[in-house]
């Protein structure tokens, strides 16, 4: 597509031909010779047919054959037309040279010189020579012109590329004001300028307008949510993200998990958990370790431990380290499910990948879970607990606590040993007393001449055969 429409060149051709044909109404300095005018018209007709190569050949020959005899007006006129042909051929550098030389000659009418300045400004912008673009745009704006919104856009963009962000603001605002139907490019340029300036409050107001103009553009909702978050306005950030989700726009995993975390922040973890659960079920979220871990945390925060623990167990089974088994064991231990907690802690140790701090804590908790399963006299289970506490004793972090536990276990064992001995002695004393009472009753029966049972006769025989007890 041509940078400069042919109809503008056509109006210029008509003008210069008119000057040439009505010489009595024109100054000598602004008159074309008939030969030059004829060749220019021929070149223009070729341009109309988009035969730009042929037009360029004709114009080059014209400059070569007549350059020495050309007036400044002749030369400026040819240069302006040839510059336009170069531009249509995407030879922007050559077009720039021709326009710049035509303007330097100052032989054309004022309105054509203004047009040259504007064309030069556009070409400098297109070739990323932004300082020159700014200079020519500003020169052109000083004239009696009616700039379009796109002119201010290019001027602002030139300042932006030179990192002159504050200077870029006024022209882009003028571009926005001059456009009846909002132009997305203009708003986006102002957005990046404000972002570079770090003007979050102004950018927030702009993004609110952009969402109104382009409500289906998810990136604008995300940016507004992030802006609120950066300014510590978490509730507003959450409201924007939730609105986008409810409108059916949010499908990205990171947005969904961020929204779930917002629900947790604002004391509604149950809703966050339901969101994650629903999105996993419909396939928008992977059923992976991270998402299951988040789901477990949300259920736990919602005090739904029966729903949290199975999810955490599933996540732990997928994890490459034992950290989630560690968390699972903690949850089970808190729920007094000591046998399951023991298995979880053992799995954590077996899976590995844990630092010494975590490993020390796990050995303590494993010993606790084992100890909690031991009942009175269950020395085997306490020995298992003691082995765990012995492992914990190797770590400085848990050494003192582990020693206390092992001392406590030994104290229990010793107490149970003493108790057993006491009970045995008491049992033996009771048995001896009972035997003595039975012996005395048998003797009483014997003295009375009563018939003795076989047991009594045996007891009396044993007593007769027993050596006498010597007094000390």
Protein backbone atom coordinates (compact mmCIF):
# COMPACT_ATOMS: atom_id res chain seq x y z
CA UNK A 1 0.00 0.00 0.00
CA UNK A 2 1.30 3.44 -0.93
CA UNK A 3 2.39 5.70 1.90
CA UNK A 4 1.19 8.72 -0.07
CA UNK A 5 -2.08 8.30 -2.04
CA UNK A 6 -1.86 8.94 -5.78
CA UNK A 7 -4.84 11.31 -5.67
CA UNK A 8 -2.71 13.79 -3.71
CA UNK A 9 -0.05 13.61 -6.37
CA UNK A 10 -2.75 13.98 -8.98
CA UNK A 11 -3.97 17.23 -7.46
CA UNK A 12 -0.37 18.49 -7.47
CA UNK A 13 0.10 17.47 -11.11
CA UNK A 14 -3.04 19.33 -12.09
CA UNK A 15 -1.79 22.37 -10.19
CA UNK A 16 1.65 22.50 -11.78
CA UNK A 17 0.27 21.80 -15.24
CA UNK A 18 -2.20 24.59 -14.73
CA UNK A 19 0.65 26.90 -13.80
CA UNK A 20 2.54 25.89 -16.90
CA UNK A 21 -0.41 26.43 -19.24
CA UNK A 22 -1.59 29.67 -17.71
CA UNK A 23 1.76 31.34 -17.40
CA UNK A 24 0.21 34.76 -17.35
CA UNK A 25 -1.30 33.96 -13.96
CA UNK A 26 1.93 32.58 -12.44
CA UNK A 27 5.29 33.97 -11.51
CA UNK A 28 8.28 32.96 -13.53
CA UNK A 29 9.72 31.14 -10.53
CA UNK A 30 6.63 28.91 -10.31
CA UNK A 31 6.21 28.02 -13.97
CA UNK A 32 6.96 24.65 -15.55
CA UNK A 33 8.28 24.41 -19.08
CA UNK A 34 5.82 22.57 -21.33
CA UNK A 35 8.33 19.74 -21.88
CA UNK A 36 8.77 19.19 -18.15
CA UNK A 37 5.02 19.38 -17.58
CA UNK A 38 4.39 16.84 -20.36
CA UNK A 39 6.93 14.36 -18.98
CA UNK A 40 5.53 14.76 -15.47
CA UNK A 41 2.04 14.07 -16.74
CA UNK A 42 3.26 10.97 -18.55
CA UNK A 43 5.01 9.76 -15.41
CA UNK A 44 1.87 10.36 -13.38
CA UNK A 45 -0.21 8.34 -15.83
CA UNK A 46 2.23 5.45 -15.44
CA UNK A 47 1.90 5.75 -11.67
CA UNK A 48 -1.89 5.63 -12.00
CA UNK A 49 -1.45 2.31 -13.76
CA UNK A 50 0.97 1.23 -10.97
CA UNK A 51 3.80 0.99 -13.49
CA UNK A 52 6.18 2.55 -11.03
CA UNK A 53 9.39 1.21 -12.57
CA UNK A 54 8.58 2.83 -15.94
CA UNK A 55 7.57 6.06 -14.21
CA UNK A 56 10.88 6.10 -12.35
CA UNK A 57 12.84 5.52 -15.56
CA UNK A 58 11.08 8.46 -17.24
CA UNK A 59 11.68 10.76 -14.27
CA UNK A 60 15.35 9.76 -13.99
CA UNK A 61 15.85 10.48 -17.68
CA UNK A 62 14.10 13.79 -17.26
CA UNK A 63 16.46 14.77 -14.44
CA UNK A 64 19.51 13.60 -16.41
CA UNK A 65 18.66 15.27 -19.69
CA UNK A 66 17.30 18.56 -18.39
CA UNK A 67 18.92 19.08 -15.01
CA UNK A 68 21.20 21.88 -16.17
CA UNK A 69 18.29 23.75 -17.77
CA UNK A 70 15.76 23.23 -14.97
CA UNK A 71 14.54 26.07 -12.85
CA UNK A 72 14.33 25.43 -9.08
CA UNK A 73 10.57 25.00 -9.52
CA UNK A 74 11.08 22.45 -12.32
CA UNK A 75 13.58 20.52 -10.25
CA UNK A 76 11.54 20.61 -7.01
CA UNK A 77 8.45 19.45 -8.90
CA UNK A 78 10.25 16.49 -10.46
CA UNK A 79 11.91 15.57 -7.15
CA UNK A 80 8.57 15.59 -5.37
CA UNK A 81 7.01 13.27 -7.93
CA UNK A 82 10.06 11.01 -8.11
CA UNK A 83 10.19 10.82 -4.33
CA UNK A 84 6.61 9.56 -4.36
CA UNK A 85 7.50 6.90 -6.91
CA UNK A 86 10.42 5.76 -4.75
CA UNK A 87 8.10 5.45 -1.78
CA UNK A 88 5.63 3.40 -3.79
CA UNK A 89 8.54 1.11 -4.71
CA UNK A 90 9.52 0.86 -1.01
CA UNK A 91 12.76 2.72 -1.70
CA UNK A 92 12.22 4.88 1.35
CA UNK A 93 15.78 6.15 1.61
CA UNK A 94 15.74 7.44 -1.99
CA UNK A 95 12.31 8.94 -1.40
CA UNK A 96 13.64 10.76 1.65
CA UNK A 97 16.53 12.20 -0.34
CA UNK A 98 14.25 13.50 -3.09
CA UNK A 99 11.73 15.07 -0.68
CA UNK A 100 14.49 16.64 1.41
CA UNK A 101 16.12 18.18 -1.70
CA UNK A 102 12.76 19.41 -3.00
CA UNK A 103 12.07 21.11 0.33
CA UNK A 104 15.59 22.58 0.47
CA UNK A 105 14.99 24.32 -2.87
CA UNK A 106 11.95 26.18 -1.37
CA UNK A 107 10.60 26.66 -4.87
CA UNK A 108 7.19 25.06 -4.45
CA UNK A 109 4.05 26.75 -3.14
CA UNK A 110 3.68 26.88 0.63
CA UNK A 111 1.04 24.19 0.78
CA UNK A 112 3.31 21.82 -1.16
CA UNK A 113 6.23 22.57 1.13
CA UNK A 114 3.99 21.74 4.08
CA UNK A 115 3.08 18.49 2.37
CA UNK A 116 6.78 17.74 1.87
CA UNK A 117 7.48 18.34 5.57
CA UNK A 118 4.68 15.99 6.51
CA UNK A 119 5.87 13.34 4.04
CA UNK A 120 9.40 13.62 5.36
CA UNK A 121 8.15 13.26 8.93
CA UNK A 122 6.28 10.08 7.98
CA UNK A 123 9.27 8.65 6.14
CA UNK A 124 11.64 9.38 9.01
CA UNK A 125 9.16 7.64 11.31
CA UNK A 126 8.87 4.64 8.96
CA UNK A 127 12.67 4.34 8.77
CA UNK A 128 13.01 4.66 12.57
CA UNK A 129 14.87 7.98 12.42
CA UNK A 130 12.78 9.28 15.27
CA UNK A 131 14.64 12.49 16.10
CA UNK A 132 14.22 13.75 12.52
CA UNK A 133 10.59 12.57 12.53
CA UNK A 134 9.88 14.62 15.66
CA UNK A 135 11.57 17.70 14.16
CA UNK A 136 9.57 17.58 10.95
CA UNK A 137 6.29 16.74 12.67
CA UNK A 138 6.74 19.75 14.95
CA UNK A 139 7.65 22.01 12.02
CA UNK A 140 4.59 20.84 10.14
CA UNK A 141 2.33 21.38 13.18
CA UNK A 142 3.50 25.00 13.38
CA UNK A 143 1.85 25.68 10.04
CA UNK A 144 -1.79 26.22 9.15
CA UNK A 145 -2.63 22.52 9.17
CA UNK A 146 -5.32 20.20 10.44
CA UNK A 147 -3.45 17.27 11.97
CA UNK A 148 -5.13 13.89 12.18
CA UNK A 149 -5.14 11.60 15.20
CA UNK A 150 -2.63 9.36 13.44
CA UNK A 151 -0.18 12.27 13.15
CA UNK A 152 -0.16 12.68 16.91
CA UNK A 153 0.15 8.91 17.28
CA UNK A 154 3.33 8.88 15.15
CA UNK A 155 4.75 11.87 17.04
CA UNK A 156 4.06 10.17 20.37
CA UNK A 157 5.50 6.87 19.16
CA UNK A 158 8.66 8.68 18.03
CA UNK A 159 9.15 10.11 21.52
CA UNK A 160 8.43 6.69 23.00
CA UNK A 161 11.11 4.98 20.91
CA UNK A 162 13.59 7.60 22.11
CA UNK A 163 12.48 6.85 25.70
CA UNK A 164 11.13 10.37 26.03
CA UNK A 165 8.10 9.08 27.86
CA UNK A 166 6.74 12.29 29.37
CA UNK A 167 7.06 14.08 26.00
CA UNK A 168 5.12 11.20 24.43
CA UNK A 169 2.09 11.66 26.68
CA UNK A 170 0.59 14.89 25.30
CA UNK A 171 0.49 13.84 21.62
CA UNK A 172 -0.99 10.41 22.35
CA UNK A 173 -3.66 12.03 24.48
CA UNK A 174 -4.45 14.38 21.56
CA UNK A 175 -4.70 11.34 19.26
CA UNK A 176 -7.20 9.73 21.63
CA UNK A 177 -9.23 12.94 21.90
CA UNK A 178 -9.41 13.39 18.12
CA UNK A 179 -10.79 9.90 17.52
CA UNK A 180 -14.54 9.46 17.73
CA UNK A 181 -14.35 5.66 17.69
CA UNK A 182 -11.72 4.47 20.18
CA UNK A 183 -8.55 3.30 18.46
CA UNK A 184 -6.96 0.40 20.28
CA UNK A 185 -3.43 1.23 19.07
CA UNK A 186 -3.64 4.68 20.63
CA UNK A 187 -4.80 3.37 23.98
CA UNK A 188 -2.18 0.64 24.01
CA UNK A 189 0.60 3.14 23.29
CA UNK A 190 -0.57 5.37 26.14
CA UNK A 191 -0.71 2.28 28.37
CA UNK A 192 2.92 1.32 27.72
CA UNK A 193 4.04 4.94 28.16
CA UNK A 194 2.35 5.16 31.56
CA UNK A 195 3.84 1.79 32.43
CA UNK A 196 7.34 3.06 31.61
CA UNK A 197 6.72 6.14 33.75
CA UNK A 198 5.48 3.99 36.62
CA UNK A 199 2.30 6.04 36.89
CA UNK A 200 0.11 3.25 38.22
CA UNK A 201 -2.85 5.40 39.27
CA UNK A 202 -3.15 7.03 35.83
CA UNK A 203 -2.64 3.70 34.13
CA UNK A 204 -5.37 2.14 36.28
CA UNK A 205 -7.87 4.75 35.12
CA UNK A 206 -6.83 4.15 31.51
CA UNK A 207 -7.23 0.37 31.83
CA UNK A 208 -10.72 0.85 33.28
CA UNK A 209 -11.65 2.76 30.11
CA UNK A 210 -10.01 0.15 27.90
CA UNK A 211 -12.06 -2.60 29.51
CA UNK A 212 -15.22 -0.63 28.75
CA UNK A 213 -14.19 -0.19 25.10
CA UNK A 214 -12.87 -3.76 24.62
CA UNK A 215 -14.61 -5.92 27.23
CA UNK A 216 -13.65 -9.19 25.54
CA UNK A 217 -9.90 -8.54 25.71
CA UNK A 218 -8.67 -10.74 28.57
CA UNK A 219 -5.20 -9.14 28.67
CA UNK A 220 -6.77 -5.82 29.71
CA UNK A 221 -8.59 -7.49 32.62
CA UNK A 222 -5.36 -9.16 33.68
CA UNK A 223 -3.41 -5.92 33.54
CA UNK A 224 -6.03 -4.06 35.58
CA UNK A 225 -6.07 -6.84 38.17
CA UNK A 226 -2.26 -6.76 38.37
CA UNK A 227 -2.26 -2.96 38.69
CA UNK A 228 -4.63 -3.09 41.63
CA UNK A 229 -2.49 -5.79 43.21
CA UNK A 230 0.70 -3.73 42.76
CA UNK A 231 -0.99 -0.84 44.56
CA UNK A 232 -2.02 -3.03 47.48
CA UNK A 233 -5.68 -2.97 46.43
CA UNK A 234 -6.19 -6.72 46.71
CA UNK A 235 -9.97 -6.64 46.96
CA UNK A 236 -10.25 -4.61 43.74
CA UNK A 237 -7.74 -6.92 42.03
CA UNK A 238 -9.79 -9.93 43.12
CA UNK A 239 -13.05 -8.33 41.93
CA UNK A 240 -11.64 -7.70 38.44
CA UNK A 241 -10.32 -11.25 38.11
CA UNK A 242 -13.55 -12.77 39.41
CA UNK A 243 -15.60 -10.67 36.98
CA UNK A 244 -13.50 -11.92 34.07
CA UNK A 245 -13.93 -15.51 35.28
CA UNK A 246 -17.68 -15.20 35.68
CA UNK A 247 -17.84 -13.73 32.16
CA UNK A 248 -16.28 -16.95 30.89
CA UNK A 249 -13.02 -15.37 29.72
CA UNK A 250 -10.55 -16.93 32.15
CA UNK A 251 -9.34 -20.35 31.10
CA UNK A 252 -5.62 -20.07 31.84
CA UNK A 253 -4.33 -22.19 34.70
CA UNK A 254 -2.35 -19.40 36.38
CA UNK A 255 -5.40 -17.10 36.42
CA UNK A 256 -7.64 -19.81 37.88
CA UNK A 257 -5.20 -20.69 40.65
CA UNK A 258 -4.65 -16.99 41.44
CA UNK A 259 -8.42 -16.55 41.76
CA UNK A 260 -8.62 -19.56 44.08
CA UNK A 261 -5.89 -18.06 46.23
CA UNK A 262 -7.83 -14.79 46.34
CA UNK A 263 -10.84 -16.68 47.71
CA UNK A 264 -8.59 -18.02 50.44
CA UNK A 265 -7.22 -14.55 51.20
CA UNK A 266 -10.72 -13.15 51.57
CA UNK A 267 -11.87 -15.88 53.95
CA UNK A 268 -13.71 -18.04 51.48
CA UNK A 269 -11.38 -21.05 51.04
CA UNK A 270 -14.37 -23.34 50.53
CA UNK A 271 -15.28 -21.49 47.33
CA UNK A 272 -11.66 -21.57 46.23
CA UNK A 273 -11.53 -25.32 46.78
CA UNK A 274 -14.75 -25.83 44.81
CA UNK A 275 -13.29 -23.71 42.00
CA UNK A 276 -10.12 -25.82 41.79
CA UNK A 277 -12.11 -29.05 42.08
CA UNK A 278 -14.49 -27.98 39.29
CA UNK A 279 -11.69 -26.86 36.96
CA UNK A 280 -9.78 -30.11 37.52
CA UNK A 281 -12.92 -32.08 36.74
CA UNK A 282 -13.60 -30.14 33.52
CA UNK A 283 -10.01 -30.52 32.39
CA UNK A 284 -8.89 -26.90 32.44
CA UNK A 285 -6.56 -27.64 35.35
CA UNK A 286 -4.10 -30.54 35.36
CA UNK A 287 -4.56 -33.11 38.08
CA UNK A 288 -0.94 -32.63 39.06
CA UNK A 289 1.00 -32.25 42.29
CA UNK A 290 0.77 -28.45 42.49
CA UNK A 291 -2.96 -28.22 41.89
CA UNK A 292 -3.79 -31.09 44.21
CA UNK A 293 -1.59 -29.55 46.88
CA UNK A 294 -3.43 -26.22 46.51
CA UNK A 295 -6.79 -28.02 46.64
CA UNK A 296 -5.75 -29.82 49.82
CA UNK A 297 -4.64 -26.56 51.42
CA UNK A 298 -7.95 -24.89 50.58
CA UNK A 299 -9.99 -27.78 52.00
CA UNK A 300 -7.84 -27.70 55.12
CA UNK A 301 -8.34 -23.95 55.52
CA UNK A 302 -12.07 -24.53 55.13
CA UNK A 303 -11.80 -27.09 57.98
CA UNK A 304 -12.81 -29.84 55.59
CA UNK A 305 -10.07 -32.20 56.75
CA UNK A 306 -11.84 -35.33 55.56
CA UNK A 307 -11.73 -33.88 52.03
CA UNK A 308 -8.25 -32.46 52.42
CA UNK A 309 -6.42 -35.60 53.51
CA UNK A 310 -7.32 -37.89 50.53
CA UNK A 311 -6.30 -35.13 48.09
CA UNK A 312 -3.02 -34.58 49.92
CA UNK A 313 -2.38 -38.34 49.94
CA UNK A 314 -2.87 -38.41 46.15
CA UNK A 315 -0.54 -35.46 45.67
CA UNK A 316 2.09 -37.04 47.92
CA UNK A 317 2.00 -40.19 45.81
CA UNK A 318 2.83 -38.12 42.71
CA UNK A 319 5.58 -36.05 44.30
CA UNK A 320 9.24 -36.77 43.71
CA UNK A 321 10.15 -35.76 47.27
CA UNK A 322 8.80 -36.72 50.67
CA UNK A 323 7.67 -33.22 51.65
CA UNK A 324 3.99 -33.87 50.91
CA UNK A 325 4.07 -37.16 52.80
CA UNK A 326 5.47 -35.12 55.69
CA UNK A 327 2.50 -32.73 55.50
CA UNK A 328 0.12 -35.67 55.18
CA UNK A 329 1.60 -37.25 58.29
CA UNK A 330 1.17 -33.99 60.22
CA UNK A 331 -2.48 -33.80 59.20
CA UNK A 332 -3.14 -37.40 60.14
CA UNK A 333 -1.33 -37.01 63.45
CA UNK A 334 -3.42 -33.94 64.27
CA UNK A 335 -6.52 -36.02 63.47
CA UNK A 336 -5.25 -38.72 65.89
CA UNK A 337 -4.95 -41.25 63.07
CA UNK A 338 -1.62 -42.43 64.41
CA UNK A 339 -1.27 -45.64 62.41
CA UNK A 340 -1.85 -43.79 59.11
CA UNK A 341 0.44 -40.98 60.24
CA UNK A 342 3.18 -43.53 60.91
CA UNK A 343 2.88 -44.87 57.36
CA UNK A 344 2.98 -41.32 55.92
CA UNK A 345 6.12 -40.38 57.86
CA UNK A 346 7.81 -43.64 56.85
CA UNK A 347 6.92 -42.91 53.20
CA UNK A 348 8.35 -39.40 53.52
CA UNK A 349 11.68 -40.80 54.73
CA UNK A 350 11.71 -43.48 52.03
CA UNK A 351 10.86 -41.04 49.22
CA UNK A 352 13.66 -38.71 50.31
CA UNK A 353 14.66 -35.32 48.97
CA UNK A 354 14.32 -33.69 52.40
CA UNK A 355 16.66 -31.30 54.17
CA UNK A 356 18.02 -32.07 57.64
CA UNK A 357 15.57 -29.72 59.35
CA UNK A 358 12.55 -31.52 57.89
CA UNK A 359 14.09 -34.93 58.38
CA UNK A 360 14.76 -34.23 62.06
CA UNK A 361 11.13 -33.18 62.57
CA UNK A 362 9.85 -36.26 60.74
CA UNK A 363 11.81 -38.64 62.99
CA UNK A 364 10.36 -36.92 66.08
CA UNK A 365 6.82 -37.09 64.71
CA UNK A 366 7.26 -40.71 63.57
CA UNK A 367 8.36 -41.62 67.09
CA UNK A 368 5.32 -39.77 68.45
CA UNK A 369 2.93 -41.59 66.11
CA UNK A 370 4.42 -44.96 67.09
CA UNK A 371 4.37 -44.12 70.79
CA UNK A 372 0.71 -43.03 70.62
CA UNK A 373 -0.18 -46.52 69.34
CA UNK A 374 1.46 -48.27 72.28
CA UNK A 375 -0.74 -49.36 75.13
CA UNK A 376 0.23 -50.43 78.66
CA UNK A 377 2.85 -53.15 78.50
CA UNK A 378 3.33 -52.76 74.72
CA UNK A 379 7.09 -52.67 74.88
CA UNK A 380 7.50 -53.73 71.25
CA UNK A 381 5.75 -50.60 69.96
CA UNK A 382 7.65 -48.42 72.38
CA UNK A 383 10.89 -49.94 71.09
CA UNK A 384 9.84 -48.88 67.58
CA UNK A 385 9.18 -45.38 68.88
CA UNK A 386 12.53 -45.36 70.67
CA UNK A 387 14.33 -46.25 67.43
CA UNK A 388 12.71 -43.25 65.73
CA UNK A 389 13.68 -40.97 68.61
CA UNK A 390 17.23 -42.36 68.45
CA UNK A 391 17.37 -41.21 64.79
CA UNK A 392 16.05 -37.78 65.81
CA UNK A 393 18.76 -37.58 68.45
CA UNK A 394 21.37 -37.40 65.69
CA UNK A 395 20.19 -33.92 64.69
CA UNK A 396 21.05 -30.86 66.82
CA UNK A 397 17.59 -29.43 66.17
CA UNK A 398 15.74 -32.31 67.84
CA UNK A 399 18.44 -33.82 70.04
CA UNK A 400 17.14 -32.51 73.36
CA UNK A 401 13.51 -33.39 72.59
CA UNK A 402 14.49 -36.88 71.41
CA UNK A 403 16.51 -37.52 74.57
CA UNK A 404 13.54 -36.46 76.69
CA UNK A 405 11.32 -38.91 74.81
CA UNK A 406 13.82 -41.76 75.20
CA UNK A 407 14.19 -41.00 78.91
CA UNK A 408 10.43 -41.02 79.24
CA UNK A 409 10.18 -44.40 77.47
CA UNK A 410 12.88 -45.90 79.72
CA UNK A 411 11.05 -44.53 82.76
CA UNK A 412 7.84 -46.21 81.62
CA UNK A 413 9.67 -49.48 81.00
CA UNK A 414 11.32 -49.32 84.42
CA UNK A 415 8.05 -48.47 86.12
CA UNK A 416 6.33 -51.36 84.41
CA UNK A 417 9.21 -53.69 85.48
CA UNK A 418 8.96 -52.60 89.11
CA UNK A 419 5.19 -52.90 88.99
CA UNK A 420 5.48 -56.41 87.59
CA UNK A 421 7.88 -57.43 90.35
CA UNK A 422 5.64 -55.95 93.00
CA UNK A 423 2.64 -57.69 91.53
CA UNK A 424 4.57 -60.96 91.40
CA UNK A 425 5.69 -60.62 95.04
CA UNK A 426 2.18 -59.75 96.11
CA UNK A 427 0.81 -62.68 94.18
CA UNK A 428 3.34 -65.00 95.81
CA UNK A 429 2.47 -63.69 99.29
CA UNK A 430 -1.22 -64.15 98.65
CA UNK A 431 -0.64 -67.67 97.38
CA UNK A 432 1.46 -68.53 100.46
CA UNK A 433 -1.16 -67.12 102.81
CA UNK A 434 -3.89 -69.04 101.05
CA UNK A 435 -1.82 -72.24 101.26
CA UNK A 436 -1.22 -71.68 104.97
CA UNK A 437 -4.92 -71.13 105.58
CA UNK A 438 -5.76 -74.31 103.69
CA UNK A 439 -3.13 -76.25 105.66
CA UNK A 440 -4.57 -75.03 108.97
CA UNK A 441 -8.09 -75.95 107.91
CA UNK A 442 -6.91 -79.44 106.95
CA UNK A 443 -5.17 -79.85 110.33
CA UNK A 444 -8.34 -78.73 112.07
CA UNK A 445 -10.28 -81.38 110.18
CA UNK A 446 -7.65 -83.99 111.06
CA UNK A 447 -7.82 -83.18 114.78
CA UNK A 448 -11.58 -83.32 114.66
CA UNK A 449 -11.38 -86.79 113.14
CA UNK A 450 -13.17 -85.76 110.03
CA UNK A 451 -12.67 -87.45 106.74
CA UNK A 452 -9.94 -85.68 104.73
CA UNK A 453 -9.98 -84.99 101.05
CA UNK A 454 -7.15 -86.24 98.90
CA UNK A 455 -5.93 -82.65 98.56
CA UNK A 456 -5.88 -82.23 102.35
CA UNK A 457 -3.97 -85.48 102.82
CA UNK A 458 -1.39 -84.37 100.24
CA UNK A 459 -1.01 -80.96 101.90
CA UNK A 460 -0.53 -82.56 105.33
CA UNK A 461 2.05 -85.02 103.96
CA UNK A 462 3.97 -82.22 102.27
CA UNK A 463 3.94 -80.18 105.49
CA UNK A 464 5.23 -83.16 107.51
CA UNK A 465 8.07 -83.77 105.09
CA UNK A 466 9.10 -80.13 104.87
CA UNK A 467 12.17 -79.21 106.94
CA UNK A 468 11.48 -77.09 109.96
CA UNK A 469 11.93 -73.33 109.58
CA UNK A 470 14.74 -72.17 111.80
CA UNK A 471 14.36 -68.95 113.65
CA UNK A 472 17.17 -66.51 113.20
